[in-house]
Amino acid sequence: MTVLLPREKIRARLLSLIGRKRAVRIPPEGLRGYVFAKVEVEPLWRTLLRKRHAPPPAGWVFASSFVDEEDTDGN
């Protein structure tokens, strides 16, 4: 399975400046076999209303858990 993360937009950058991280969710159809799964991004207001260091909602994960720290060139 290949997970396609969305590009970081201005809203995500502003959220990270105030210490918030947006969660993402893989749709159920993306969990089958060899597929490209495009993640669903947590809504902006839900991110703002969640406590600052709270874990993501059930079924959601932070996008930083998918990113390989050594892969800095975007490939």
PDB file of N, CA and C in Angstrom:
ATOM      1  N   MET A   1       0.847  -1.169   0.000  1.00  0.00           N
ATOM      2  CA  MET A   1       0.000   0.000   0.000  1.00  0.00           C
ATOM      3  C   MET A   1       0.895   1.235   0.000  1.00  0.00           C
ATOM      4  N   THR A   2       0.563   2.183  -0.824  1.00  0.00           N
ATOM      5  CA  THR A   2       1.255   3.457  -0.874  1.00  0.00           C
ATOM      6  C   THR A   2       0.319   4.528  -0.344  1.00  0.00           C
ATOM      7  N   VAL A   3       0.789   5.302   0.618  1.00  0.00           N
ATOM      8  CA  VAL A   3      -0.023   6.350   1.223  1.00  0.00           C
ATOM      9  C   VAL A   3       0.362   7.677   0.602  1.00  0.00           C
ATOM     10  N   LEU A   4      -0.609   8.362   0.007  1.00  0.00           N
ATOM     11  CA  LEU A   4      -0.379   9.665  -0.610  1.00  0.00           C
ATOM     12  C   LEU A   4      -0.778  10.757   0.375  1.00  0.00           C
ATOM     13  N   LEU A   5       0.223  11.454   0.892  1.00  0.00           N
ATOM     14  CA  LEU A   5      -0.030  12.539   1.839  1.00  0.00           C
ATOM     15  C   LEU A   5      -0.248  13.837   1.076  1.00  0.00           C
ATOM     16  N   PRO A   6      -1.146  14.684   1.548  1.00  0.00           N
ATOM     17  CA  PRO A   6      -1.358  15.966   0.869  1.00  0.00           C
ATOM     18  C   PRO A   6      -0.179  16.905   1.116  1.00  0.00           C
ATOM     19  N   ARG A   7       0.007  17.838   0.190  1.00  0.00           N
ATOM     20  CA  ARG A   7       1.048  18.850   0.386  1.00  0.00           C
ATOM     21  C   ARG A   7       0.695  19.710   1.580  1.00  0.00           C
ATOM     22  N   GLU A   8       1.707  20.176   2.275  1.00  0.00           N
ATOM     23  CA  GLU A   8       1.472  21.032   3.430  1.00  0.00           C
ATOM     24  C   GLU A   8       1.061  22.417   2.935  1.00  0.00           C
ATOM     25  N   LYS A   9      -0.115  22.839   3.297  1.00  0.00           N
ATOM     26  CA  LYS A   9      -0.626  24.127   2.855  1.00  0.00           C
ATOM     27  C   LYS A   9      -0.437  25.164   3.948  1.00  0.00           C
ATOM     28  N   ILE A  10      -0.835  26.379   3.675  1.00  0.00           N
ATOM     29  CA  ILE A  10      -0.623  27.486   4.592  1.00  0.00           C
ATOM     30  C   ILE A  10      -1.329  27.250   5.927  1.00  0.00           C
ATOM     31  N   ARG A  11      -2.497  26.616   5.894  1.00  0.00           N
ATOM     32  CA  ARG A  11      -3.216  26.347   7.151  1.00  0.00           C
ATOM     33  C   ARG A  11      -2.428  25.413   8.043  1.00  0.00           C
ATOM     34  N   ALA A  12      -1.829  24.377   7.464  1.00  0.00           N
ATOM     35  CA  ALA A  12      -1.033  23.432   8.247  1.00  0.00           C
ATOM     36  C   ALA A  12       0.210  24.118   8.822  1.00  0.00           C
ATOM     37  N   ARG A  13       0.787  25.008   8.064  1.00  0.00           N
ATOM     38  CA  ARG A  13       1.958  25.741   8.560  1.00  0.00           C
ATOM     39  C   ARG A  13       1.573  26.658   9.718  1.00  0.00           C
ATOM     40  N   LEU A  14       0.441  27.326   9.608  1.00  0.00           N
ATOM     41  CA  LEU A  14      -0.015  28.191  10.698  1.00  0.00           C
ATOM     42  C   LEU A  14      -0.344  27.372  11.942  1.00  0.00           C
ATOM     43  N   LEU A  15      -0.953  26.210  11.752  1.00  0.00           N
ATOM     44  CA  LEU A  15      -1.248  25.339  12.891  1.00  0.00           C
ATOM     45  C   LEU A  15       0.030  24.881  13.574  1.00  0.00           C
ATOM     46  N   SER A  16       1.060  24.564  12.801  1.00  0.00           N
ATOM     47  CA  SER A  16       2.306  24.115  13.417  1.00  0.00           C
ATOM     48  C   SER A  16       2.997  25.254  14.170  1.00  0.00           C
ATOM     49  N   LEU A  17       2.787  26.498  13.743  1.00  0.00           N
ATOM     50  CA  LEU A  17       3.363  27.633  14.459  1.00  0.00           C
ATOM     51  C   LEU A  17       2.769  27.789  15.857  1.00  0.00           C
ATOM     52  N   ILE A  18       1.495  27.410  16.017  1.00  0.00           N
ATOM     53  CA  ILE A  18       0.866  27.517  17.337  1.00  0.00           C
ATOM     54  C   ILE A  18       0.906  26.185  18.097  1.00  0.00           C
ATOM     55  N   GLY A  19       1.640  25.219  17.554  1.00  0.00           N
ATOM     56  CA  GLY A  19       1.861  23.965  18.258  1.00  0.00           C
ATOM     57  C   GLY A  19       0.809  22.896  18.040  1.00  0.00           C
ATOM     58  N   ARG A  20       0.074  22.963  16.958  1.00  0.00           N
ATOM     59  CA  ARG A  20      -0.964  21.967  16.658  1.00  0.00           C
ATOM     60  C   ARG A  20      -0.533  21.108  15.479  1.00  0.00           C
ATOM     61  N   LYS A  21      -0.932  19.842  15.511  1.00  0.00           N
ATOM     62  CA  LYS A  21      -0.662  18.947  14.384  1.00  0.00           C
ATOM     63  C   LYS A  21      -1.988  18.417  13.876  1.00  0.00           C
ATOM     64  N   ARG A  22      -2.134  18.388  12.557  1.00  0.00           N
ATOM     65  CA  ARG A  22      -3.348  17.837  11.954  1.00  0.00           C
ATOM     66  C   ARG A  22      -3.222  16.333  11.831  1.00  0.00           C
ATOM     67  N   ALA A  23      -4.292  15.651  12.128  1.00  0.00           N
ATOM     68  CA  ALA A  23      -4.317  14.201  11.995  1.00  0.00           C
ATOM     69  C   ALA A  23      -4.830  13.828  10.605  1.00  0.00           C
ATOM     70  N   VAL A  24      -4.494  12.628  10.168  1.00  0.00           N
ATOM     71  CA  VAL A  24      -4.974  12.110   8.890  1.00  0.00           C
ATOM     72  C   VAL A  24      -5.592  10.740   9.129  1.00  0.00           C
ATOM     73  N   ARG A  25      -6.438  10.328   8.187  1.00  0.00           N
ATOM     74  CA  ARG A  25      -7.112   9.034   8.281  1.00  0.00           C
ATOM     75  C   ARG A  25      -7.053   8.365   6.921  1.00  0.00           C
ATOM     76  N   ILE A  26      -6.718   7.074   6.935  1.00  0.00           N
ATOM     77  CA  ILE A  26      -6.724   6.297   5.690  1.00  0.00           C
ATOM     78  C   ILE A  26      -8.129   5.749   5.503  1.00  0.00           C
ATOM     79  N   PRO A  27      -8.768   6.021   4.365  1.00  0.00           N
ATOM     80  CA  PRO A  27     -10.115   5.495   4.135  1.00  0.00           C
ATOM     81  C   PRO A  27     -10.109   3.968   4.125  1.00  0.00           C
ATOM     82  N   PRO A  28     -11.233   3.341   4.508  1.00  0.00           N
ATOM     83  CA  PRO A  28     -11.288   1.874   4.568  1.00  0.00           C
ATOM     84  C   PRO A  28     -10.953   1.191   3.246  1.00  0.00           C
ATOM     85  N   GLU A  29     -11.301   1.789   2.106  1.00  0.00           N
ATOM     86  CA  GLU A  29     -10.986   1.148   0.828  1.00  0.00           C
ATOM     87  C   GLU A  29      -9.492   1.171   0.547  1.00  0.00           C
ATOM     88  N   GLY A  30      -8.733   1.987   1.265  1.00  0.00           N
ATOM     89  CA  GLY A  30      -7.288   2.043   1.085  1.00  0.00           C
ATOM     90  C   GLY A  30      -6.540   0.962   1.844  1.00  0.00           C
ATOM     91  N   LEU A  31      -7.252   0.173   2.631  1.00  0.00           N
ATOM     92  CA  LEU A  31      -6.602  -0.854   3.435  1.00  0.00           C
ATOM     93  C   LEU A  31      -6.566  -2.216   2.766  1.00  0.00           C
ATOM     94  N   ARG A  32      -6.958  -2.288   1.509  1.00  0.00           N
ATOM     95  CA  ARG A  32      -7.002  -3.570   0.794  1.00  0.00           C
ATOM     96  C   ARG A  32      -5.848  -3.691  -0.186  1.00  0.00           C
ATOM     97  N   GLY A  33      -4.978  -4.653   0.009  1.00  0.00           N
ATOM     98  CA  GLY A  33      -3.974  -5.038  -0.976  1.00  0.00           C
ATOM     99  C   GLY A  33      -3.035  -3.940  -1.441  1.00  0.00           C
ATOM    100  N   TYR A  34      -2.700  -4.012  -2.722  1.00  0.00           N
ATOM    101  CA  TYR A  34      -1.742  -3.086  -3.327  1.00  0.00           C
ATOM    102  C   TYR A  34      -2.498  -1.925  -3.966  1.00  0.00           C
ATOM    103  N   VAL A  35      -2.643  -0.850  -3.221  1.00  0.00           N
ATOM    104  CA  VAL A  35      -3.392   0.310  -3.704  1.00  0.00           C
ATOM    105  C   VAL A  35      -2.641   1.587  -3.345  1.00  0.00           C
ATOM    106  N   PHE A  36      -3.027   2.663  -3.990  1.00  0.00           N
ATOM    107  CA  PHE A  36      -2.595   3.995  -3.604  1.00  0.00           C
ATOM    108  C   PHE A  36      -3.713   4.578  -2.759  1.00  0.00           C
ATOM    109  N   ALA A  37      -3.429   4.915  -1.528  1.00  0.00           N
ATOM    110  CA  ALA A  37      -4.457   5.430  -0.622  1.00  0.00           C
ATOM    111  C   ALA A  37      -4.217   6.916  -0.382  1.00  0.00           C
ATOM    112  N   LYS A  38      -5.196   7.736  -0.721  1.00  0.00           N
ATOM    113  CA  LYS A  38      -5.127   9.168  -0.463  1.00  0.00           C
ATOM    114  C   LYS A  38      -5.789   9.418   0.882  1.00  0.00           C
ATOM    115  N   VAL A  39      -5.050  10.021   1.794  1.00  0.00           N
ATOM    116  CA  VAL A  39      -5.550  10.191   3.154  1.00  0.00           C
ATOM    117  C   VAL A  39      -6.559  11.330   3.244  1.00  0.00           C
ATOM    118  N   GLU A  40      -7.387  11.266   4.257  1.00  0.00           N
ATOM    119  CA  GLU A  40      -8.345  12.327   4.559  1.00  0.00           C
ATOM    120  C   GLU A  40      -7.737  13.159   5.682  1.00  0.00           C
ATOM    121  N   VAL A  41      -7.746  14.485   5.552  1.00  0.00           N
ATOM    122  CA  VAL A  41      -7.140  15.380   6.527  1.00  0.00           C
ATOM    123  C   VAL A  41      -8.196  15.818   7.549  1.00  0.00           C
ATOM    124  N   GLU A  42      -7.770  15.901   8.800  1.00  0.00           N
ATOM    125  CA  GLU A  42      -8.662  16.333   9.870  1.00  0.00           C
ATOM    126  C   GLU A  42      -9.116  17.776   9.616  1.00  0.00           C
ATOM    127  N   PRO A  43     -10.378  18.085   9.846  1.00  0.00           N
ATOM    128  CA  PRO A  43     -10.864  19.449   9.634  1.00  0.00           C
ATOM    129  C   PRO A  43     -10.134  20.471  10.511  1.00  0.00           C
ATOM    130  N   LEU A  44      -9.999  21.671   9.992  1.00  0.00           N
ATOM    131  CA  LEU A  44      -9.258  22.730  10.671  1.00  0.00           C
ATOM    132  C   LEU A  44      -9.832  23.041  12.048  1.00  0.00           C
ATOM    133  N   TRP A  45     -11.144  23.200  12.137  1.00  0.00           N
ATOM    134  CA  TRP A  45     -11.751  23.570  13.421  1.00  0.00           C
ATOM    135  C   TRP A  45     -11.612  22.472  14.452  1.00  0.00           C
ATOM    136  N   ARG A  46     -11.682  21.212  14.026  1.00  0.00           N
ATOM    137  CA  ARG A  46     -11.504  20.109  14.977  1.00  0.00           C
ATOM    138  C   ARG A  46     -10.081  20.129  15.523  1.00  0.00           C
ATOM    139  N   THR A  47      -9.118  20.449  14.653  1.00  0.00           N
ATOM    140  CA  THR A  47      -7.725  20.538  15.086  1.00  0.00           C
ATOM    141  C   THR A  47      -7.550  21.671  16.091  1.00  0.00           C
ATOM    142  N   LEU A  48      -8.174  22.806  15.833  1.00  0.00           N
ATOM    143  CA  LEU A  48      -8.049  23.944  16.744  1.00  0.00           C
ATOM    144  C   LEU A  48      -8.735  23.703  18.081  1.00  0.00           C
ATOM    145  N   LEU A  49      -9.832  22.956  18.084  1.00  0.00           N
ATOM    146  CA  LEU A  49     -10.585  22.739  19.322  1.00  0.00           C
ATOM    147  C   LEU A  49     -10.014  21.613  20.188  1.00  0.00           C
ATOM    148  N   ARG A  50      -9.174  20.758  19.614  1.00  0.00           N
ATOM    149  CA  ARG A  50      -8.548  19.685  20.390  1.00  0.00           C
ATOM    150  C   ARG A  50      -7.479  20.277  21.298  1.00  0.00           C
ATOM    151  N   LYS A  51      -7.262  19.684  22.473  1.00  0.00           N
ATOM    152  CA  LYS A  51      -6.216  20.176  23.371  1.00  0.00           C
ATOM    153  C   LYS A  51      -4.863  20.074  22.690  1.00  0.00           C
ATOM    154  N   ARG A  52      -3.935  20.909  23.119  1.00  0.00           N
ATOM    155  CA  ARG A  52      -2.672  21.088  22.406  1.00  0.00           C
ATOM    156  C   ARG A  52      -1.874  19.805  22.213  1.00  0.00           C
ATOM    157  N   HIS A  53      -1.659  19.011  23.241  1.00  0.00           N
ATOM    158  CA  HIS A  53      -0.842  17.802  23.113  1.00  0.00           C
ATOM    159  C   HIS A  53      -1.685  16.540  23.257  1.00  0.00           C
ATOM    160  N   ALA A  54      -2.951  16.642  22.930  1.00  0.00           N
ATOM    161  CA  ALA A  54      -3.848  15.485  23.008  1.00  0.00           C
ATOM    162  C   ALA A  54      -3.569  14.527  21.851  1.00  0.00           C
ATOM    163  N   PRO A  55      -3.786  13.239  22.072  1.00  0.00           N
ATOM    164  CA  PRO A  55      -3.628  12.291  20.957  1.00  0.00           C
ATOM    165  C   PRO A  55      -4.721  12.507  19.921  1.00  0.00           C
ATOM    166  N   PRO A  56      -4.504  12.029  18.703  1.00  0.00           N
ATOM    167  CA  PRO A  56      -5.530  12.205  17.669  1.00  0.00           C
ATOM    168  C   PRO A  56      -6.786  11.394  18.002  1.00  0.00           C
ATOM    169  N   PRO A  57      -7.914  11.731  17.400  1.00  0.00           N
ATOM    170  CA  PRO A  57      -9.142  10.973  17.636  1.00  0.00           C
ATOM    171  C   PRO A  57      -8.980   9.504  17.215  1.00  0.00           C
ATOM    172  N   ALA A  58      -9.880   8.666  17.673  1.00  0.00           N
ATOM    173  CA  ALA A  58      -9.831   7.236  17.343  1.00  0.00           C
ATOM    174  C   ALA A  58      -9.921   7.049  15.828  1.00  0.00           C
ATOM    175  N   GLY A  59      -9.042   6.229  15.278  1.00  0.00           N
ATOM    176  CA  GLY A  59      -9.020   5.971  13.844  1.00  0.00           C
ATOM    177  C   GLY A  59      -8.171   6.948  13.057  1.00  0.00           C
ATOM    178  N   TRP A  60      -7.621   7.953  13.700  1.00  0.00           N
ATOM    179  CA  TRP A  60      -6.789   8.962  13.061  1.00  0.00           C
ATOM    180  C   TRP A  60      -5.360   8.838  13.578  1.00  0.00           C
ATOM    181  N   VAL A  61      -4.375   9.247  12.780  1.00  0.00           N
ATOM    182  CA  VAL A  61      -2.975   9.284  13.193  1.00  0.00           C
ATOM    183  C   VAL A  61      -2.375  10.598  12.702  1.00  0.00           C
ATOM    184  N   PHE A  62      -1.265  10.980  13.306  1.00  0.00           N
ATOM    185  CA  PHE A  62      -0.577  12.173  12.840  1.00  0.00           C
ATOM    186  C   PHE A  62       0.221  11.831  11.580  1.00  0.00           C
ATOM    187  N   ALA A  63       0.241  12.736  10.629  1.00  0.00           N
ATOM    188  CA  ALA A  63       0.928  12.503   9.361  1.00  0.00           C
ATOM    189  C   ALA A  63       2.422  12.313   9.566  1.00  0.00           C
ATOM    190  N   SER A  64       2.979  12.874  10.612  1.00  0.00           N
ATOM    191  CA  SER A  64       4.414  12.733  10.858  1.00  0.00           C
ATOM    192  C   SER A  64       4.797  11.288  11.159  1.00  0.00           C
ATOM    193  N   SER A  65       3.836  10.445  11.536  1.00  0.00           N
ATOM    194  CA  SER A  65       4.153   9.037  11.788  1.00  0.00           C
ATOM    195  C   SER A  65       4.373   8.272  10.483  1.00  0.00           C
ATOM    196  N   PHE A  66       3.940   8.802   9.340  1.00  0.00           N
ATOM    197  CA  PHE A  66       4.143   8.171   8.041  1.00  0.00           C
ATOM    198  C   PHE A  66       5.443   8.598   7.379  1.00  0.00           C
ATOM    199  N   VAL A  67       5.938   9.762   7.713  1.00  0.00           N
ATOM    200  CA  VAL A  67       7.084  10.344   7.018  1.00  0.00           C
ATOM    201  C   VAL A  67       8.370   9.728   7.533  1.00  0.00           C
ATOM    202  N   ASP A  68       9.214   9.280   6.611  1.00  0.00           N
ATOM    203  CA  ASP A  68      10.517   8.736   6.958  1.00  0.00           C
ATOM    204  C   ASP A  68      11.459   9.902   7.223  1.00  0.00           C
ATOM    205  N   GLU A  69      12.060   9.928   8.402  1.00  0.00           N
ATOM    206  CA  GLU A  69      12.936  11.043   8.778  1.00  0.00           C
ATOM    207  C   GLU A  69      14.147  11.165   7.861  1.00  0.00           C
ATOM    208  N   GLU A  70      14.630  10.053   7.309  1.00  0.00           N
ATOM    209  CA  GLU A  70      15.811  10.098   6.444  1.00  0.00           C
ATOM    210  C   GLU A  70      15.465  10.560   5.045  1.00  0.00           C
ATOM    211  N   ASP A  71      14.193  10.503   4.648  1.00  0.00           N
ATOM    212  CA  ASP A  71      13.784  10.877   3.298  1.00  0.00           C
ATOM    213  C   ASP A  71      13.448  12.369   3.272  1.00  0.00           C
ATOM    214  N   THR A  72      14.479  13.180   3.077  1.00  0.00           N
ATOM    215  CA  THR A  72      14.289  14.626   3.106  1.00  0.00           C
ATOM    216  C   THR A  72      14.194  15.249   1.729  1.00  0.00           C
ATOM    217  N   ASP A  73      14.502  14.485   0.675  1.00  0.00           N
ATOM    218  CA  ASP A  73      14.484  15.073  -0.662  1.00  0.00           C
ATOM    219  C   ASP A  73      13.130  14.946  -1.349  1.00  0.00           C
ATOM    220  N   GLY A  74      12.134  14.361  -0.678  1.00  0.00           N
ATOM    221  CA  GLY A  74      10.796  14.274  -1.247  1.00  0.00           C
ATOM    222  C   GLY A  74      10.577  13.086  -2.156  1.00  0.00           C
ATOM    223  N   ASN A  75      11.503  12.177  -2.259  1.00  0.00           N
ATOM    224  CA  ASN A  75      11.351  10.978  -3.109  1.00  0.00           C
ATOM    225  C   ASN A  75      10.976   9.787  -2.278  1.00  0.00           C
TER     226      ASN A  75
END
